[in-house]
Amino acid sequence: MDFKEKVLQVIAEVCEDDVVKEEHDLDIFEAGLIDSFATVELLVQFEEQLDINVPITEFDRDTWNTPNAIVDRLNELK
């Protein structure tokens, strides 16, 4: 499993919807797949499963809103 697939798997688990694995430009906030509580869980899972620490202060909903954007940001942080 490559890095992008791993990230998509984590997002799908937290969102409880595999649609994020297929629609990489889907705005997960506008689609109602994730809220502020799930956002915290997403960041925790990135650290636990991918060993990437994302400080909550660096999380901006406008730049972390799609699976593709999340993969890009995590690539920058790893």
PDB file of N, CA and C in Angstrom:
ATOM      1  N   MET A   1       0.856  -1.182   0.000  1.00  0.00           N
ATOM      2  CA  MET A   1       0.000   0.000   0.000  1.00  0.00           C
ATOM      3  C   MET A   1       0.899   1.240   0.000  1.00  0.00           C
ATOM      4  N   ASP A   2       0.710   2.121  -0.965  1.00  0.00           N
ATOM      5  CA  ASP A   2       1.534   3.319  -1.016  1.00  0.00           C
ATOM      6  C   ASP A   2       1.011   4.377  -0.038  1.00  0.00           C
ATOM      7  N   PHE A   3       1.755   5.461   0.083  1.00  0.00           N
ATOM      8  CA  PHE A   3       1.437   6.495   1.069  1.00  0.00           C
ATOM      9  C   PHE A   3       0.030   7.059   0.867  1.00  0.00           C
ATOM     10  N   LYS A   4      -0.317   7.386  -0.377  1.00  0.00           N
ATOM     11  CA  LYS A   4      -1.634   7.964  -0.649  1.00  0.00           C
ATOM     12  C   LYS A   4      -2.746   6.998  -0.238  1.00  0.00           C
ATOM     13  N   GLU A   5      -2.583   5.722  -0.546  1.00  0.00           N
ATOM     14  CA  GLU A   5      -3.599   4.733  -0.171  1.00  0.00           C
ATOM     15  C   GLU A   5      -3.746   4.635   1.345  1.00  0.00           C
ATOM     16  N   LYS A   6      -2.624   4.709   2.061  1.00  0.00           N
ATOM     17  CA  LYS A   6      -2.671   4.665   3.522  1.00  0.00           C
ATOM     18  C   LYS A   6      -3.433   5.862   4.076  1.00  0.00           C
ATOM     19  N   VAL A   7      -3.135   7.045   3.538  1.00  0.00           N
ATOM     20  CA  VAL A   7      -3.818   8.267   3.985  1.00  0.00           C
ATOM     21  C   VAL A   7      -5.313   8.168   3.704  1.00  0.00           C
ATOM     22  N   LEU A   8      -5.663   7.720   2.510  1.00  0.00           N
ATOM     23  CA  LEU A   8      -7.080   7.584   2.149  1.00  0.00           C
ATOM     24  C   LEU A   8      -7.785   6.589   3.057  1.00  0.00           C
ATOM     25  N   GLN A   9      -7.084   5.520   3.442  1.00  0.00           N
ATOM     26  CA  GLN A   9      -7.662   4.534   4.345  1.00  0.00           C
ATOM     27  C   GLN A   9      -7.963   5.158   5.708  1.00  0.00           C
ATOM     28  N   VAL A  10      -7.033   5.949   6.223  1.00  0.00           N
ATOM     29  CA  VAL A  10      -7.245   6.617   7.513  1.00  0.00           C
ATOM     30  C   VAL A  10      -8.434   7.571   7.427  1.00  0.00           C
ATOM     31  N   ILE A  11      -8.495   8.347   6.351  1.00  0.00           N
ATOM     32  CA  ILE A  11      -9.613   9.287   6.174  1.00  0.00           C
ATOM     33  C   ILE A  11     -10.933   8.522   6.112  1.00  0.00           C
ATOM     34  N   ALA A  12     -10.955   7.446   5.352  1.00  0.00           N
ATOM     35  CA  ALA A  12     -12.173   6.639   5.213  1.00  0.00           C
ATOM     36  C   ALA A  12     -12.611   6.071   6.558  1.00  0.00           C
ATOM     37  N   GLU A  13     -11.655   5.620   7.349  1.00  0.00           N
ATOM     38  CA  GLU A  13     -11.983   5.074   8.672  1.00  0.00           C
ATOM     39  C   GLU A  13     -12.613   6.136   9.568  1.00  0.00           C
ATOM     40  N   VAL A  14     -12.025   7.322   9.589  1.00  0.00           N
ATOM     41  CA  VAL A  14     -12.534   8.387  10.453  1.00  0.00           C
ATOM     42  C   VAL A  14     -13.879   8.906   9.945  1.00  0.00           C
ATOM     43  N   CYS A  15     -14.003   9.044   8.625  1.00  0.00           N
ATOM     44  CA  CYS A  15     -15.262   9.524   8.037  1.00  0.00           C
ATOM     45  C   CYS A  15     -16.344   8.445   8.023  1.00  0.00           C
ATOM     46  N   GLU A  16     -15.912   7.201   8.198  1.00  0.00           N
ATOM     47  CA  GLU A  16     -16.808   6.050   8.119  1.00  0.00           C
ATOM     48  C   GLU A  16     -17.517   5.987   6.773  1.00  0.00           C
ATOM     49  N   ASP A  17     -16.743   6.275   5.706  1.00  0.00           N
ATOM     50  CA  ASP A  17     -17.293   6.264   4.346  1.00  0.00           C
ATOM     51  C   ASP A  17     -16.142   6.088   3.358  1.00  0.00           C
ATOM     52  N   ASP A  18     -16.228   5.061   2.514  1.00  0.00           N
ATOM     53  CA  ASP A  18     -15.193   4.794   1.522  1.00  0.00           C
ATOM     54  C   ASP A  18     -15.252   5.721   0.315  1.00  0.00           C
ATOM     55  N   VAL A  19     -16.225   6.603   0.250  1.00  0.00           N
ATOM     56  CA  VAL A  19     -16.343   7.514  -0.891  1.00  0.00           C
ATOM     57  C   VAL A  19     -15.076   8.357  -1.045  1.00  0.00           C
ATOM     58  N   VAL A  20     -14.379   8.630   0.062  1.00  0.00           N
ATOM     59  CA  VAL A  20     -13.167   9.444  -0.013  1.00  0.00           C
ATOM     60  C   VAL A  20     -12.044   8.739  -0.769  1.00  0.00           C
ATOM     61  N   LYS A  21     -12.137   7.436  -0.896  1.00  0.00           N
ATOM     62  CA  LYS A  21     -11.130   6.683  -1.652  1.00  0.00           C
ATOM     63  C   LYS A  21     -11.344   6.828  -3.154  1.00  0.00           C
ATOM     64  N   GLU A  22     -12.540   7.229  -3.543  1.00  0.00           N
ATOM     65  CA  GLU A  22     -12.874   7.347  -4.966  1.00  0.00           C
ATOM     66  C   GLU A  22     -12.991   8.787  -5.426  1.00  0.00           C
ATOM     67  N   GLU A  23     -13.502   9.650  -4.576  1.00  0.00           N
ATOM     68  CA  GLU A  23     -13.698  11.063  -4.925  1.00  0.00           C
ATOM     69  C   GLU A  23     -12.672  11.902  -4.172  1.00  0.00           C
ATOM     70  N   HIS A  24     -11.482  12.008  -4.742  1.00  0.00           N
ATOM     71  CA  HIS A  24     -10.357  12.638  -4.068  1.00  0.00           C
ATOM     72  C   HIS A  24     -10.467  14.149  -3.946  1.00  0.00           C
ATOM     73  N   ASP A  25     -11.385  14.768  -4.669  1.00  0.00           N
ATOM     74  CA  ASP A  25     -11.577  16.214  -4.575  1.00  0.00           C
ATOM     75  C   ASP A  25     -12.865  16.575  -3.841  1.00  0.00           C
ATOM     76  N   LEU A  26     -13.459  15.618  -3.181  1.00  0.00           N
ATOM     77  CA  LEU A  26     -14.677  15.839  -2.411  1.00  0.00           C
ATOM     78  C   LEU A  26     -14.356  16.656  -1.162  1.00  0.00           C
ATOM     79  N   ASP A  27     -15.094  17.724  -0.939  1.00  0.00           N
ATOM     80  CA  ASP A  27     -14.927  18.517   0.278  1.00  0.00           C
ATOM     81  C   ASP A  27     -15.592  17.755   1.418  1.00  0.00           C
ATOM     82  N   ILE A  28     -14.784  17.153   2.281  1.00  0.00           N
ATOM     83  CA  ILE A  28     -15.315  16.275   3.322  1.00  0.00           C
ATOM     84  C   ILE A  28     -16.091  17.031   4.393  1.00  0.00           C
ATOM     85  N   PHE A  29     -15.824  18.322   4.542  1.00  0.00           N
ATOM     86  CA  PHE A  29     -16.577  19.126   5.506  1.00  0.00           C
ATOM     87  C   PHE A  29     -17.951  19.484   4.945  1.00  0.00           C
ATOM     88  N   GLU A  30     -17.972  19.975   3.703  1.00  0.00           N
ATOM     89  CA  GLU A  30     -19.252  20.335   3.072  1.00  0.00           C
ATOM     90  C   GLU A  30     -20.143  19.113   2.886  1.00  0.00           C
ATOM     91  N   ALA A  31     -19.536  17.957   2.655  1.00  0.00           N
ATOM     92  CA  ALA A  31     -20.310  16.728   2.464  1.00  0.00           C
ATOM     93  C   ALA A  31     -20.825  16.174   3.790  1.00  0.00           C
ATOM     94  N   GLY A  32     -20.402  16.770   4.893  1.00  0.00           N
ATOM     95  CA  GLY A  32     -20.863  16.316   6.201  1.00  0.00           C
ATOM     96  C   GLY A  32     -20.210  15.024   6.664  1.00  0.00           C
ATOM     97  N   LEU A  33     -19.070  14.674   6.063  1.00  0.00           N
ATOM     98  CA  LEU A  33     -18.391  13.431   6.433  1.00  0.00           C
ATOM     99  C   LEU A  33     -17.519  13.588   7.668  1.00  0.00           C
ATOM    100  N   ILE A  34     -17.201  14.815   8.011  1.00  0.00           N
ATOM    101  CA  ILE A  34     -16.315  15.068   9.140  1.00  0.00           C
ATOM    102  C   ILE A  34     -16.720  16.374   9.816  1.00  0.00           C
ATOM    103  N   ASP A  35     -16.580  16.398  11.139  1.00  0.00           N
ATOM    104  CA  ASP A  35     -16.869  17.615  11.906  1.00  0.00           C
ATOM    105  C   ASP A  35     -15.660  17.911  12.788  1.00  0.00           C
ATOM    106  N   SER A  36     -15.792  18.859  13.699  1.00  0.00           N
ATOM    107  CA  SER A  36     -14.632  19.257  14.504  1.00  0.00           C
ATOM    108  C   SER A  36     -14.124  18.124  15.392  1.00  0.00           C
ATOM    109  N   PHE A  37     -15.027  17.307  15.930  1.00  0.00           N
ATOM    110  CA  PHE A  37     -14.591  16.180  16.758  1.00  0.00           C
ATOM    111  C   PHE A  37     -13.839  15.153  15.918  1.00  0.00           C
ATOM    112  N   ALA A  38     -14.357  14.869  14.737  1.00  0.00           N
ATOM    113  CA  ALA A  38     -13.706  13.908  13.846  1.00  0.00           C
ATOM    114  C   ALA A  38     -12.371  14.451  13.330  1.00  0.00           C
ATOM    115  N   THR A  39     -12.249  15.761  13.230  1.00  0.00           N
ATOM    116  CA  THR A  39     -10.991  16.368  12.811  1.00  0.00           C
ATOM    117  C   THR A  39      -9.879  16.018  13.789  1.00  0.00           C
ATOM    118  N   VAL A  40     -10.173  16.129  15.073  1.00  0.00           N
ATOM    119  CA  VAL A  40      -9.192  15.780  16.097  1.00  0.00           C
ATOM    120  C   VAL A  40      -8.831  14.298  15.977  1.00  0.00           C
ATOM    121  N   GLU A  41      -9.819  13.458  15.792  1.00  0.00           N
ATOM    122  CA  GLU A  41      -9.574  12.025  15.627  1.00  0.00           C
ATOM    123  C   GLU A  41      -8.710  11.761  14.393  1.00  0.00           C
ATOM    124  N   LEU A  42      -8.951  12.498  13.327  1.00  0.00           N
ATOM    125  CA  LEU A  42      -8.162  12.341  12.104  1.00  0.00           C
ATOM    126  C   LEU A  42      -6.694  12.646  12.379  1.00  0.00           C
ATOM    127  N   LEU A  43      -6.426  13.720  13.087  1.00  0.00           N
ATOM    128  CA  LEU A  43      -5.051  14.089  13.395  1.00  0.00           C
ATOM    129  C   LEU A  43      -4.386  13.052  14.302  1.00  0.00           C
ATOM    130  N   VAL A  44      -5.136  12.535  15.257  1.00  0.00           N
ATOM    131  CA  VAL A  44      -4.613  11.481  16.136  1.00  0.00           C
ATOM    132  C   VAL A  44      -4.273  10.239  15.320  1.00  0.00           C
ATOM    133  N   GLN A  45      -5.151   9.860  14.404  1.00  0.00           N
ATOM    134  CA  GLN A  45      -4.914   8.675  13.578  1.00  0.00           C
ATOM    135  C   GLN A  45      -3.722   8.856  12.638  1.00  0.00           C
ATOM    136  N   PHE A  46      -3.517  10.066  12.131  1.00  0.00           N
ATOM    137  CA  PHE A  46      -2.341  10.308  11.291  1.00  0.00           C
ATOM    138  C   PHE A  46      -1.069  10.073  12.099  1.00  0.00           C
ATOM    139  N   GLU A  47      -1.084  10.494  13.349  1.00  0.00           N
ATOM    140  CA  GLU A  47       0.096  10.281  14.181  1.00  0.00           C
ATOM    141  C   GLU A  47       0.262   8.801  14.530  1.00  0.00           C
ATOM    142  N   GLU A  48      -0.819   8.143  14.905  1.00  0.00           N
ATOM    143  CA  GLU A  48      -0.729   6.735  15.313  1.00  0.00           C
ATOM    144  C   GLU A  48      -0.432   5.798  14.150  1.00  0.00           C
ATOM    145  N   GLN A  49      -1.093   6.003  13.025  1.00  0.00           N
ATOM    146  CA  GLN A  49      -0.961   5.055  11.921  1.00  0.00           C
ATOM    147  C   GLN A  49       0.147   5.407  10.928  1.00  0.00           C
ATOM    148  N   LEU A  50       0.442   6.708  10.795  1.00  0.00           N
ATOM    149  CA  LEU A  50       1.425   7.130   9.795  1.00  0.00           C
ATOM    150  C   LEU A  50       2.672   7.760  10.409  1.00  0.00           C
ATOM    151  N   ASP A  51       2.652   7.937  11.729  1.00  0.00           N
ATOM    152  CA  ASP A  51       3.757   8.563  12.446  1.00  0.00           C
ATOM    153  C   ASP A  51       4.037   9.981  11.939  1.00  0.00           C
ATOM    154  N   ILE A  52       2.959  10.705  11.653  1.00  0.00           N
ATOM    155  CA  ILE A  52       3.070  12.097  11.220  1.00  0.00           C
ATOM    156  C   ILE A  52       2.288  12.952  12.206  1.00  0.00           C
ATOM    157  N   ASN A  53       3.005  13.849  12.872  1.00  0.00           N
ATOM    158  CA  ASN A  53       2.374  14.738  13.836  1.00  0.00           C
ATOM    159  C   ASN A  53       1.880  15.995  13.124  1.00  0.00           C
ATOM    160  N   VAL A  54       0.597  16.252  13.221  1.00  0.00           N
ATOM    161  CA  VAL A  54       0.011  17.455  12.637  1.00  0.00           C
ATOM    162  C   VAL A  54      -0.520  18.303  13.788  1.00  0.00           C
ATOM    163  N   PRO A  55       0.178  19.374  14.137  1.00  0.00           N
ATOM    164  CA  PRO A  55      -0.318  20.239  15.204  1.00  0.00           C
ATOM    165  C   PRO A  55      -1.675  20.839  14.812  1.00  0.00           C
ATOM    166  N   ILE A  56      -2.578  20.872  15.766  1.00  0.00           N
ATOM    167  CA  ILE A  56      -3.915  21.403  15.494  1.00  0.00           C
ATOM    168  C   ILE A  56      -3.830  22.842  14.989  1.00  0.00           C
ATOM    169  N   THR A  57      -2.805  23.563  15.393  1.00  0.00           N
ATOM    170  CA  THR A  57      -2.637  24.950  14.957  1.00  0.00           C
ATOM    171  C   THR A  57      -2.305  25.054  13.474  1.00  0.00           C
ATOM    172  N   GLU A  58      -1.812  23.959  12.883  1.00  0.00           N
ATOM    173  CA  GLU A  58      -1.494  23.955  11.452  1.00  0.00           C
ATOM    174  C   GLU A  58      -2.648  23.455  10.601  1.00  0.00           C
ATOM    175  N   PHE A  59      -3.699  23.004  11.258  1.00  0.00           N
ATOM    176  CA  PHE A  59      -4.842  22.465  10.524  1.00  0.00           C
ATOM    177  C   PHE A  59      -5.797  23.598  10.185  1.00  0.00           C
ATOM    178  N   ASP A  60      -5.906  23.899   8.904  1.00  0.00           N
ATOM    179  CA  ASP A  60      -6.830  24.913   8.406  1.00  0.00           C
ATOM    180  C   ASP A  60      -7.852  24.206   7.519  1.00  0.00           C
ATOM    181  N   ARG A  61      -9.082  24.306   7.906  1.00  0.00           N
ATOM    182  CA  ARG A  61     -10.159  23.612   7.192  1.00  0.00           C
ATOM    183  C   ARG A  61     -10.169  23.893   5.692  1.00  0.00           C
ATOM    184  N   ASP A  62      -9.773  25.101   5.320  1.00  0.00           N
ATOM    185  CA  ASP A  62      -9.792  25.472   3.902  1.00  0.00           C
ATOM    186  C   ASP A  62      -8.681  24.809   3.089  1.00  0.00           C
ATOM    187  N   THR A  63      -7.622  24.374   3.753  1.00  0.00           N
ATOM    188  CA  THR A  63      -6.525  23.742   3.021  1.00  0.00           C
ATOM    189  C   THR A  63      -6.427  22.245   3.303  1.00  0.00           C
ATOM    190  N   TRP A  64      -7.258  21.739   4.196  1.00  0.00           N
ATOM    191  CA  TRP A  64      -7.292  20.309   4.520  1.00  0.00           C
ATOM    192  C   TRP A  64      -8.679  19.743   4.225  1.00  0.00           C
ATOM    193  N   ASN A  65      -9.357  20.253   3.218  1.00  0.00           N
ATOM    194  CA  ASN A  65     -10.776  19.935   3.025  1.00  0.00           C
ATOM    195  C   ASN A  65     -11.071  18.779   2.071  1.00  0.00           C
ATOM    196  N   THR A  66     -10.087  18.324   1.303  1.00  0.00           N
ATOM    197  CA  THR A  66     -10.324  17.214   0.378  1.00  0.00           C
ATOM    198  C   THR A  66      -9.270  16.131   0.608  1.00  0.00           C
ATOM    199  N   PRO A  67      -9.548  14.905   0.224  1.00  0.00           N
ATOM    200  CA  PRO A  67      -8.534  13.860   0.347  1.00  0.00           C
ATOM    201  C   PRO A  67      -7.219  14.216  -0.357  1.00  0.00           C
ATOM    202  N   ASN A  68      -7.299  14.783  -1.559  1.00  0.00           N
ATOM    203  CA  ASN A  68      -6.071  15.171  -2.266  1.00  0.00           C
ATOM    204  C   ASN A  68      -5.292  16.228  -1.495  1.00  0.00           C
ATOM    205  N   ALA A  69      -5.991  17.206  -0.950  1.00  0.00           N
ATOM    206  CA  ALA A  69      -5.330  18.264  -0.186  1.00  0.00           C
ATOM    207  C   ALA A  69      -4.672  17.693   1.068  1.00  0.00           C
ATOM    208  N   ILE A  70      -5.339  16.756   1.712  1.00  0.00           N
ATOM    209  CA  ILE A  70      -4.786  16.142   2.921  1.00  0.00           C
ATOM    210  C   ILE A  70      -3.521  15.355   2.587  1.00  0.00           C
ATOM    211  N   VAL A  71      -3.555  14.592   1.512  1.00  0.00           N
ATOM    212  CA  VAL A  71      -2.371  13.838   1.087  1.00  0.00           C
ATOM    213  C   VAL A  71      -1.214  14.801   0.819  1.00  0.00           C
ATOM    214  N   ASP A  72      -1.489  15.903   0.125  1.00  0.00           N
ATOM    215  CA  ASP A  72      -0.444  16.892  -0.175  1.00  0.00           C
ATOM    216  C   ASP A  72       0.150  17.473   1.095  1.00  0.00           C
ATOM    217  N   ARG A  73      -0.704  17.881   2.041  1.00  0.00           N
ATOM    218  CA  ARG A  73      -0.210  18.473   3.296  1.00  0.00           C
ATOM    219  C   ARG A  73       0.620  17.471   4.086  1.00  0.00           C
ATOM    220  N   LEU A  74       0.168  16.225   4.141  1.00  0.00           N
ATOM    221  CA  LEU A  74       0.909  15.211   4.895  1.00  0.00           C
ATOM    222  C   LEU A  74       2.241  14.891   4.245  1.00  0.00           C
ATOM    223  N   ASN A  75       2.284  14.938   2.925  1.00  0.00           N
ATOM    224  CA  ASN A  75       3.560  14.744   2.217  1.00  0.00           C
ATOM    225  C   ASN A  75       4.561  15.824   2.613  1.00  0.00           C
ATOM    226  N   GLU A  76       4.071  17.032   2.828  1.00  0.00           N
ATOM    227  CA  GLU A  76       4.934  18.136   3.232  1.00  0.00           C
ATOM    228  C   GLU A  76       5.456  17.947   4.655  1.00  0.00           C
ATOM    229  N   LEU A  77       4.665  17.293   5.508  1.00  0.00           N
ATOM    230  CA  LEU A  77       5.010  17.147   6.915  1.00  0.00           C
ATOM    231  C   LEU A  77       5.822  15.897   7.244  1.00  0.00           C
ATOM    232  N   LYS A  78       5.831  14.932   6.331  1.00  0.00           N
ATOM    233  CA  LYS A  78       6.516  13.673   6.677  1.00  0.00           C
ATOM    234  C   LYS A  78       8.018  13.756   6.508  1.00  0.00           C
TER     235      LYS A  78
END
